[in-house]
């Protein structure tokens, strides 16, 4: 733990006694991680390319990279298992099936793959043929029940794709946002879609499902400038937001109020992820367009407890993603800003790795 992280840990306010035992257990887990290397791993044989998206497909790692490919890596075997060519800008595993992944390309191609095979797909549609405006896509997210997928593009248009009829993709509601839309998440109950929007102040726009219209929705002032990232706790207790003001905020999705903020970042936070129990929140500083200046960190806090971990990283953190069923965090670094392992024999392979993995013991809730 860095010295600044230790100070933040000591100065954190008292926690609810109901979470005291959980805090002690995580303190022990992170202290062990700080002393030992057996909790760390990395994806071997990874082609050094920046990552647009990172997710788990069961115990395997799925990445969409700048070199125009979606790849599935077997971490234990240290090899690439499958690959799908394309200019994929976003990809996410089905929340109810570890073998199914949705991806959207810059040019408008939408696919749902079975990750166990490199051929064939559940859906394979060129959305641009439906409408010439359906292109330049940036983000994608599944609804909790896997019946809808939301996508948005550079023109800040949000589209809802209806997957309720197998083999028949239907276009649902759509909405053009007045300001830039950076990331999207569904609430855990699937009743609303949350959008991180730009401007000053940065806001969160909440659109009701399935019509995505303002009636029944809300808008929250979230950050001093531009809300960049969002993450939803699967238990439905929290939604986290991050902005260019270097703050991370927790929101009560039922009452639409901010319940807590974290000020441990020293740069804009561009990626967030909750653990499978919702008890841990990880974030990284940096992003695809980062120049690499300033502090570069990976940070982990307790949503209900304390500040646990902050470590400097060799390059800006582009994506963070917790494993869907255990305390295992995958995070990717900006490949173009990593040190070249050929330039220094002091560096280990892990120090030059693009995708890193952190394993923590499970803690009883």
Protein backbone atom coordinates (compact mmCIF):
# COMPACT_ATOMS: atom_id res chain seq x y z
CA UNK A 1 0.00 0.00 0.00
CA UNK A 2 1.36 3.44 -0.90
CA UNK A 3 1.91 6.01 1.84
CA UNK A 4 -0.97 8.17 0.61
CA UNK A 5 -3.24 5.14 0.63
CA UNK A 6 -2.21 4.30 4.18
CA UNK A 7 -2.98 7.84 5.34
CA UNK A 8 -6.39 7.70 3.63
CA UNK A 9 -7.06 4.35 5.29
CA UNK A 10 -6.27 5.76 8.74
CA UNK A 11 -8.32 8.91 8.20
CA UNK A 12 -11.42 7.18 6.87
CA UNK A 13 -14.49 7.74 9.06
CA UNK A 14 -15.90 5.08 11.34
CA UNK A 15 -18.00 2.47 9.62
CA UNK A 16 -21.34 0.90 10.50
CA UNK A 17 -20.72 -1.79 13.17
CA UNK A 18 -22.65 -4.22 10.97
CA UNK A 19 -19.70 -4.18 8.55
CA UNK A 20 -16.90 -4.23 11.15
CA UNK A 21 -16.11 -7.93 10.76
CA UNK A 22 -16.13 -7.63 6.96
CA UNK A 23 -13.67 -4.74 7.20
CA UNK A 24 -11.30 -6.74 9.41
CA UNK A 25 -11.46 -9.67 7.02
CA UNK A 26 -10.63 -7.49 4.01
CA UNK A 27 -7.84 -5.80 5.96
CA UNK A 28 -6.25 -9.22 6.46
CA UNK A 29 -6.77 -10.18 2.81
CA UNK A 30 -5.16 -7.01 1.44
CA UNK A 31 -2.31 -7.18 3.97
CA UNK A 32 -1.53 -10.67 2.72
CA UNK A 33 -1.68 -9.50 -0.89
CA UNK A 34 0.76 -6.71 -0.05
CA UNK A 35 3.34 -9.21 1.23
CA UNK A 36 2.96 -12.05 -1.24
CA UNK A 37 3.04 -12.38 -5.02
CA UNK A 38 0.86 -15.49 -5.26
CA UNK A 39 -2.26 -13.37 -5.57
CA UNK A 40 -1.06 -11.75 -8.79
CA UNK A 41 -1.10 -13.00 -12.37
CA UNK A 42 -1.29 -11.64 -15.91
CA UNK A 43 -2.52 -12.69 -19.35
CA UNK A 44 0.41 -14.21 -21.21
CA UNK A 45 0.98 -13.97 -24.96
CA UNK A 46 -1.22 -10.89 -25.14
CA UNK A 47 -0.60 -8.82 -28.26
CA UNK A 48 0.44 -5.40 -27.04
CA UNK A 49 -2.56 -3.31 -28.02
CA UNK A 50 -4.81 -0.87 -26.17
CA UNK A 51 -8.06 -2.34 -24.87
CA UNK A 52 -11.44 -0.82 -25.62
CA UNK A 53 -13.31 -3.41 -23.53
CA UNK A 54 -12.49 -6.05 -20.95
CA UNK A 55 -14.75 -8.70 -19.42
CA UNK A 56 -14.82 -12.20 -17.98
CA UNK A 57 -16.31 -15.12 -19.93
CA UNK A 58 -16.48 -17.62 -17.10
CA UNK A 59 -12.86 -17.92 -15.92
CA UNK A 60 -11.48 -16.64 -19.21
CA UNK A 61 -10.67 -13.08 -20.25
CA UNK A 62 -12.41 -11.37 -23.15
CA UNK A 63 -10.84 -8.26 -24.69
CA UNK A 64 -11.73 -5.91 -27.54
CA UNK A 65 -8.51 -4.27 -28.71
CA UNK A 66 -7.36 -1.47 -30.96
CA UNK A 67 -5.81 -3.92 -33.44
CA UNK A 68 -9.35 -4.81 -34.59
CA UNK A 69 -10.04 -8.07 -32.82
CA UNK A 70 -12.13 -9.52 -30.03
CA UNK A 71 -10.12 -12.21 -28.27
CA UNK A 72 -10.74 -14.85 -25.62
CA UNK A 73 -7.78 -15.82 -23.42
CA UNK A 74 -7.38 -18.86 -21.22
CA UNK A 75 -5.40 -17.35 -18.35
CA UNK A 76 -4.29 -20.63 -16.77
CA UNK A 77 -3.13 -22.13 -20.05
CA UNK A 78 -1.56 -18.82 -21.08
CA UNK A 79 -2.95 -18.87 -24.61
CA UNK A 80 -5.44 -17.22 -26.90
CA UNK A 81 -8.40 -19.57 -27.32
CA UNK A 82 -10.64 -17.79 -29.83
CA UNK A 83 -10.68 -14.57 -31.85
CA UNK A 84 -13.22 -12.63 -33.89
CA UNK A 85 -11.95 -10.00 -36.29
CA UNK A 86 -13.66 -6.63 -36.46
CA UNK A 87 -13.42 -3.02 -35.37
CA UNK A 88 -15.07 -3.83 -32.03
CA UNK A 89 -15.46 -0.80 -29.77
CA UNK A 90 -17.39 -2.46 -26.92
CA UNK A 91 -18.05 -6.00 -25.74
CA UNK A 92 -19.76 -7.51 -22.72
CA UNK A 93 -20.61 -11.00 -21.53
CA UNK A 94 -24.26 -11.89 -21.01
CA UNK A 95 -24.93 -11.47 -17.25
CA UNK A 96 -26.80 -14.79 -17.26
CA UNK A 97 -24.55 -16.83 -19.53
CA UNK A 98 -20.73 -16.94 -19.31
CA UNK A 99 -20.54 -18.36 -22.86
CA UNK A 100 -22.43 -15.58 -24.64
CA UNK A 101 -20.94 -12.21 -25.52
CA UNK A 102 -22.34 -9.16 -27.30
CA UNK A 103 -20.13 -6.79 -29.28
CA UNK A 104 -20.66 -3.63 -31.31
CA UNK A 105 -18.29 -2.23 -33.96
CA UNK A 106 -17.52 1.34 -34.94
CA UNK A 107 -19.07 0.74 -38.34
CA UNK A 108 -22.41 -0.53 -36.99
CA UNK A 109 -21.99 -4.31 -36.90
CA UNK A 110 -23.69 -5.96 -33.93
CA UNK A 111 -23.02 -9.57 -32.95
CA UNK A 112 -23.79 -11.95 -30.13
CA UNK A 113 -21.19 -14.75 -30.05
CA UNK A 114 -20.97 -18.13 -28.42
CA UNK A 115 -17.46 -17.81 -26.97
CA UNK A 116 -16.93 -21.59 -27.09
CA UNK A 117 -16.64 -21.49 -30.88
CA UNK A 118 -14.86 -19.15 -33.27
CA UNK A 119 -17.54 -19.64 -35.93
CA UNK A 120 -21.23 -18.87 -35.92
CA UNK A 121 -23.20 -16.37 -33.90
CA UNK A 122 -26.60 -15.96 -32.28
CA UNK A 123 -27.06 -12.54 -33.88
CA UNK A 124 -25.03 -10.96 -36.68
CA UNK A 125 -26.59 -7.72 -37.90
CA UNK A 126 -25.34 -4.63 -39.73
CA UNK A 127 -27.28 -1.89 -37.94
CA UNK A 128 -26.22 0.70 -40.51
CA UNK A 129 -28.44 -1.05 -43.04
CA UNK A 130 -31.40 -0.35 -40.76
CA UNK A 131 -30.53 3.34 -40.54
CA UNK A 132 -27.51 5.28 -41.91
CA UNK A 133 -27.26 7.02 -38.53
CA UNK A 134 -26.56 3.74 -36.70
CA UNK A 135 -22.77 3.86 -36.86
CA UNK A 136 -19.77 5.25 -34.92
CA UNK A 137 -20.73 3.17 -31.88
CA UNK A 138 -18.84 3.52 -28.61
CA UNK A 139 -20.60 1.64 -25.79
CA UNK A 140 -22.80 -1.36 -25.08
CA UNK A 141 -24.45 -2.84 -21.99
CA UNK A 142 -26.77 -5.78 -21.26
CA UNK A 143 -29.92 -5.50 -19.17
CA UNK A 144 -29.87 -7.70 -16.02
CA UNK A 145 -32.43 -10.13 -17.50
CA UNK A 146 -30.52 -10.37 -20.82
CA UNK A 147 -33.59 -9.29 -22.80
CA UNK A 148 -32.25 -5.93 -23.98
CA UNK A 149 -28.94 -4.36 -24.94
CA UNK A 150 -28.35 -0.61 -24.97
CA UNK A 151 -25.83 0.89 -27.41
CA UNK A 152 -24.79 4.48 -28.05
CA UNK A 153 -22.70 6.26 -30.66
CA UNK A 154 -20.55 9.32 -31.17
CA UNK A 155 -23.62 11.36 -32.13
CA UNK A 156 -24.93 10.70 -28.56
CA UNK A 157 -27.81 8.60 -29.82
CA UNK A 158 -28.94 5.79 -27.53
CA UNK A 159 -30.63 2.72 -29.03
CA UNK A 160 -32.33 -0.18 -27.30
CA UNK A 161 -31.99 -3.60 -28.97
CA UNK A 162 -34.71 -6.13 -28.14
CA UNK A 163 -33.45 -9.73 -27.83
CA UNK A 164 -36.63 -11.32 -26.49
CA UNK A 165 -37.26 -13.24 -29.71
CA UNK A 166 -34.44 -15.68 -30.40
CA UNK A 167 -32.74 -15.29 -33.78
CA UNK A 168 -34.83 -12.16 -34.40
CA UNK A 169 -33.27 -8.88 -33.32
CA UNK A 170 -35.67 -5.97 -33.04
CA UNK A 171 -34.95 -2.28 -32.66
CA UNK A 172 -36.65 -0.83 -29.59
CA UNK A 173 -36.80 2.72 -28.29
CA UNK A 174 -34.14 5.31 -29.09
CA UNK A 175 -33.20 8.73 -27.80
CA UNK A 176 -30.83 11.51 -28.86
CA UNK A 177 -29.08 13.07 -25.88
CA UNK A 178 -28.35 16.84 -25.78
CA UNK A 179 -24.85 16.30 -24.35
CA UNK A 180 -22.10 13.71 -24.80
CA UNK A 181 -22.89 10.24 -23.44
CA UNK A 182 -19.86 8.44 -22.07
CA UNK A 183 -20.98 5.20 -20.41
CA UNK A 184 -24.23 3.40 -19.60
CA UNK A 185 -25.44 0.86 -17.03
CA UNK A 186 -28.79 -0.66 -16.22
CA UNK A 187 -30.09 -0.54 -12.68
CA UNK A 188 -30.05 -3.96 -11.00
CA UNK A 189 -33.84 -4.29 -11.31
CA UNK A 190 -33.66 -3.47 -15.03
CA UNK A 191 -36.24 -0.70 -14.70
CA UNK A 192 -33.98 2.16 -15.73
CA UNK A 193 -30.92 2.95 -17.86
CA UNK A 194 -28.31 5.25 -16.31
CA UNK A 195 -26.16 7.44 -18.58
CA UNK A 196 -22.97 9.31 -17.71
CA UNK A 197 -23.19 12.62 -19.52
CA UNK A 198 -20.74 15.43 -20.14
CA UNK A 199 -20.63 19.15 -19.59
CA UNK A 200 -20.25 21.29 -16.52
CA UNK A 201 -21.55 20.19 -14.15
CA UNK A 202 -21.39 16.53 -15.13
CA UNK A 203 -24.72 14.78 -14.79
CA UNK A 204 -26.31 11.35 -14.68
CA UNK A 205 -29.40 10.94 -16.83
CA UNK A 206 -31.81 8.17 -15.81
CA UNK A 207 -34.18 6.89 -18.48
CA UNK A 208 -37.07 4.53 -17.71
CA UNK A 209 -37.32 1.18 -19.46
CA UNK A 210 -38.41 0.28 -22.04
CA UNK A 211 -39.43 3.61 -23.64
CA UNK A 212 -36.31 5.67 -22.70
CA UNK A 213 -38.38 8.84 -22.48
CA UNK A 214 -37.97 11.67 -19.97
CA UNK A 215 -41.35 11.03 -18.39
CA UNK A 216 -40.64 8.94 -15.32
CA UNK A 217 -36.90 9.57 -15.59
CA UNK A 218 -34.57 11.88 -13.71
CA UNK A 219 -31.36 13.85 -14.00
CA UNK A 220 -28.79 14.09 -11.21
CA UNK A 221 -25.98 16.60 -10.86
CA UNK A 222 -23.10 14.25 -10.13
CA UNK A 223 -19.71 15.90 -10.72
CA UNK A 224 -18.20 19.32 -11.16
CA UNK A 225 -17.35 18.50 -14.76
CA UNK A 226 -18.23 15.58 -17.07
CA UNK A 227 -19.43 12.28 -15.63
CA UNK A 228 -17.16 9.73 -17.30
CA UNK A 229 -17.88 6.26 -15.90
CA UNK A 230 -20.64 4.25 -14.21
CA UNK A 231 -20.88 0.85 -12.53
CA UNK A 232 -23.84 -0.97 -10.99
CA UNK A 233 -23.82 -3.24 -7.96
CA UNK A 234 -25.65 -6.47 -8.91
CA UNK A 235 -27.36 -6.52 -5.51
CA UNK A 236 -29.02 -3.22 -6.36
CA UNK A 237 -27.68 -1.26 -3.39
CA UNK A 238 -25.34 1.09 -5.23
CA UNK A 239 -24.53 2.70 -8.54
CA UNK A 240 -21.10 4.33 -8.70
CA UNK A 241 -20.16 7.30 -10.86
CA UNK A 242 -16.79 8.87 -11.64
CA UNK A 243 -15.96 12.20 -13.19
CA UNK A 244 -13.29 14.56 -14.41
CA UNK A 245 -13.30 16.17 -10.93
CA UNK A 246 -11.32 13.13 -9.62
CA UNK A 247 -14.26 12.06 -7.43
CA UNK A 248 -16.08 8.73 -7.22
CA UNK A 249 -19.64 8.85 -5.88
CA UNK A 250 -22.05 6.17 -4.66
CA UNK A 251 -25.75 6.57 -5.43
CA UNK A 252 -28.83 4.95 -3.95
CA UNK A 253 -30.65 3.84 -7.14
CA UNK A 254 -34.00 3.63 -5.35
CA UNK A 255 -34.05 7.09 -3.76
CA UNK A 256 -31.68 8.77 -6.26
CA UNK A 257 -29.45 10.32 -3.61
CA UNK A 258 -25.67 10.38 -3.23
CA UNK A 259 -24.73 8.35 -0.16
CA UNK A 260 -20.94 8.62 -0.22
CA UNK A 261 -17.99 10.06 -2.13
CA UNK A 262 -14.36 8.98 -2.44
CA UNK A 263 -11.65 11.53 -3.10
CA UNK A 264 -8.62 9.26 -3.41
CA UNK A 265 -8.06 9.77 -7.15
CA UNK A 266 -5.51 12.25 -8.45
CA UNK A 267 -6.67 12.14 -12.08
CA UNK A 268 -9.99 11.68 -13.82
CA UNK A 269 -11.42 8.22 -13.10
CA UNK A 270 -12.45 6.56 -16.36
CA UNK A 271 -13.32 2.99 -15.39
CA UNK A 272 -15.24 1.43 -12.46
CA UNK A 273 -16.34 -2.06 -11.41
CA UNK A 274 -18.15 -3.63 -8.44
CA UNK A 275 -17.21 -7.08 -7.13
CA UNK A 276 -19.77 -9.90 -7.39
CA UNK A 277 -21.06 -9.21 -3.86
CA UNK A 278 -21.04 -5.45 -4.33
CA UNK A 279 -18.78 -5.03 -1.30
CA UNK A 280 -15.69 -3.89 -3.24
CA UNK A 281 -15.40 -1.11 -5.80
CA UNK A 282 -12.32 -0.83 -8.04
CA UNK A 283 -11.35 2.03 -10.30
CA UNK A 284 -8.47 3.18 -12.44
CA UNK A 285 -7.13 6.48 -13.68
CA UNK A 286 -6.25 7.08 -17.29
CA UNK A 287 -7.97 5.96 -20.45
CA UNK A 288 -7.63 5.25 -24.13
CA UNK A 289 -6.74 8.86 -24.91
CA UNK A 290 -4.56 9.48 -21.86
CA UNK A 291 -1.11 10.92 -22.42
CA UNK A 292 0.20 9.08 -19.37
CA UNK A 293 1.04 12.25 -17.42
CA UNK A 294 0.42 12.50 -13.67
CA UNK A 295 -0.19 9.74 -11.19
CA UNK A 296 -1.46 6.43 -12.53
CA UNK A 297 -3.20 4.22 -9.97
CA UNK A 298 -5.42 1.23 -9.37
CA UNK A 299 -7.65 1.80 -6.34
CA UNK A 300 -9.98 -0.53 -4.39
CA UNK A 301 -12.38 0.62 -1.68
CA UNK A 302 -15.17 -1.00 0.32
CA UNK A 303 -18.60 0.22 -0.70
CA UNK A 304 -19.77 -0.05 2.92
CA UNK A 305 -16.46 -0.15 4.75
CA UNK A 306 -13.05 1.38 4.12
CA UNK A 307 -10.25 2.33 1.77
CA UNK A 308 -8.20 -0.81 1.12
CA UNK A 309 -5.75 -0.58 -1.74
CA UNK A 310 -3.98 1.80 -4.04
CA UNK A 311 -0.97 0.96 -6.14
CA UNK A 312 0.87 2.86 -8.86
CA UNK A 313 0.62 1.32 -12.31
CA UNK A 314 3.15 1.38 -15.13
CA UNK A 315 0.63 3.03 -17.49
CA UNK A 316 -2.90 4.50 -17.28
CA UNK A 317 -5.60 1.98 -16.36
CA UNK A 318 -8.01 1.59 -19.27
CA UNK A 319 -10.46 -1.04 -17.97
CA UNK A 320 -11.24 -2.78 -14.67
CA UNK A 321 -13.56 -5.76 -14.27
CA UNK A 322 -14.30 -8.02 -11.30
CA UNK A 323 -14.95 -11.72 -11.87
CA UNK A 324 -18.72 -12.48 -11.82
CA UNK A 325 -18.53 -15.04 -8.97
CA UNK A 326 -15.33 -14.45 -6.96
CA UNK A 327 -12.93 -11.78 -5.71
CA UNK A 328 -10.71 -11.71 -8.77
CA UNK A 329 -10.02 -8.41 -10.51
CA UNK A 330 -8.79 -8.04 -14.09
CA UNK A 331 -7.45 -4.70 -15.24
CA UNK A 332 -5.79 -3.51 -18.43
CA UNK A 333 -3.14 -0.85 -18.93
CA UNK A 334 -2.48 1.42 -21.89
CA UNK A 335 -0.18 -0.75 -24.01
CA UNK A 336 1.42 2.13 -25.89
CA UNK A 337 2.57 3.71 -22.62
CA UNK A 338 3.95 0.57 -20.98
CA UNK A 339 7.71 0.15 -20.67
CA UNK A 340 9.21 -2.10 -23.30
CA UNK A 341 10.46 -5.26 -21.63
CA UNK A 342 13.40 -5.30 -24.05
CA UNK A 343 14.67 -1.97 -22.74
CA UNK A 344 15.38 -3.15 -19.20
CA UNK A 345 16.25 -6.55 -17.80
CA UNK A 346 15.10 -5.35 -14.38
CA UNK A 347 11.47 -5.58 -15.43
CA UNK A 348 9.47 -8.76 -14.99
CA UNK A 349 6.98 -9.96 -17.57
CA UNK A 350 4.13 -8.98 -15.25
CA UNK A 351 5.41 -5.42 -14.98
CA UNK A 352 5.14 -5.13 -18.76
CA UNK A 353 1.82 -6.99 -19.06
CA UNK A 354 -1.20 -5.32 -20.63
CA UNK A 355 -3.86 -7.31 -18.71
CA UNK A 356 -3.18 -8.02 -15.04
CA UNK A 357 -5.14 -10.12 -12.55
CA UNK A 358 -5.45 -9.74 -8.77
CA UNK A 359 -6.85 -12.59 -6.64
CA UNK A 360 -8.25 -11.99 -3.15
CA UNK A 361 -9.64 -14.49 -0.61
CA UNK A 362 -13.41 -14.62 -0.33
CA UNK A 363 -14.90 -12.85 2.69
CA UNK A 364 -18.05 -13.97 4.45
CA UNK A 365 -20.82 -11.40 4.14
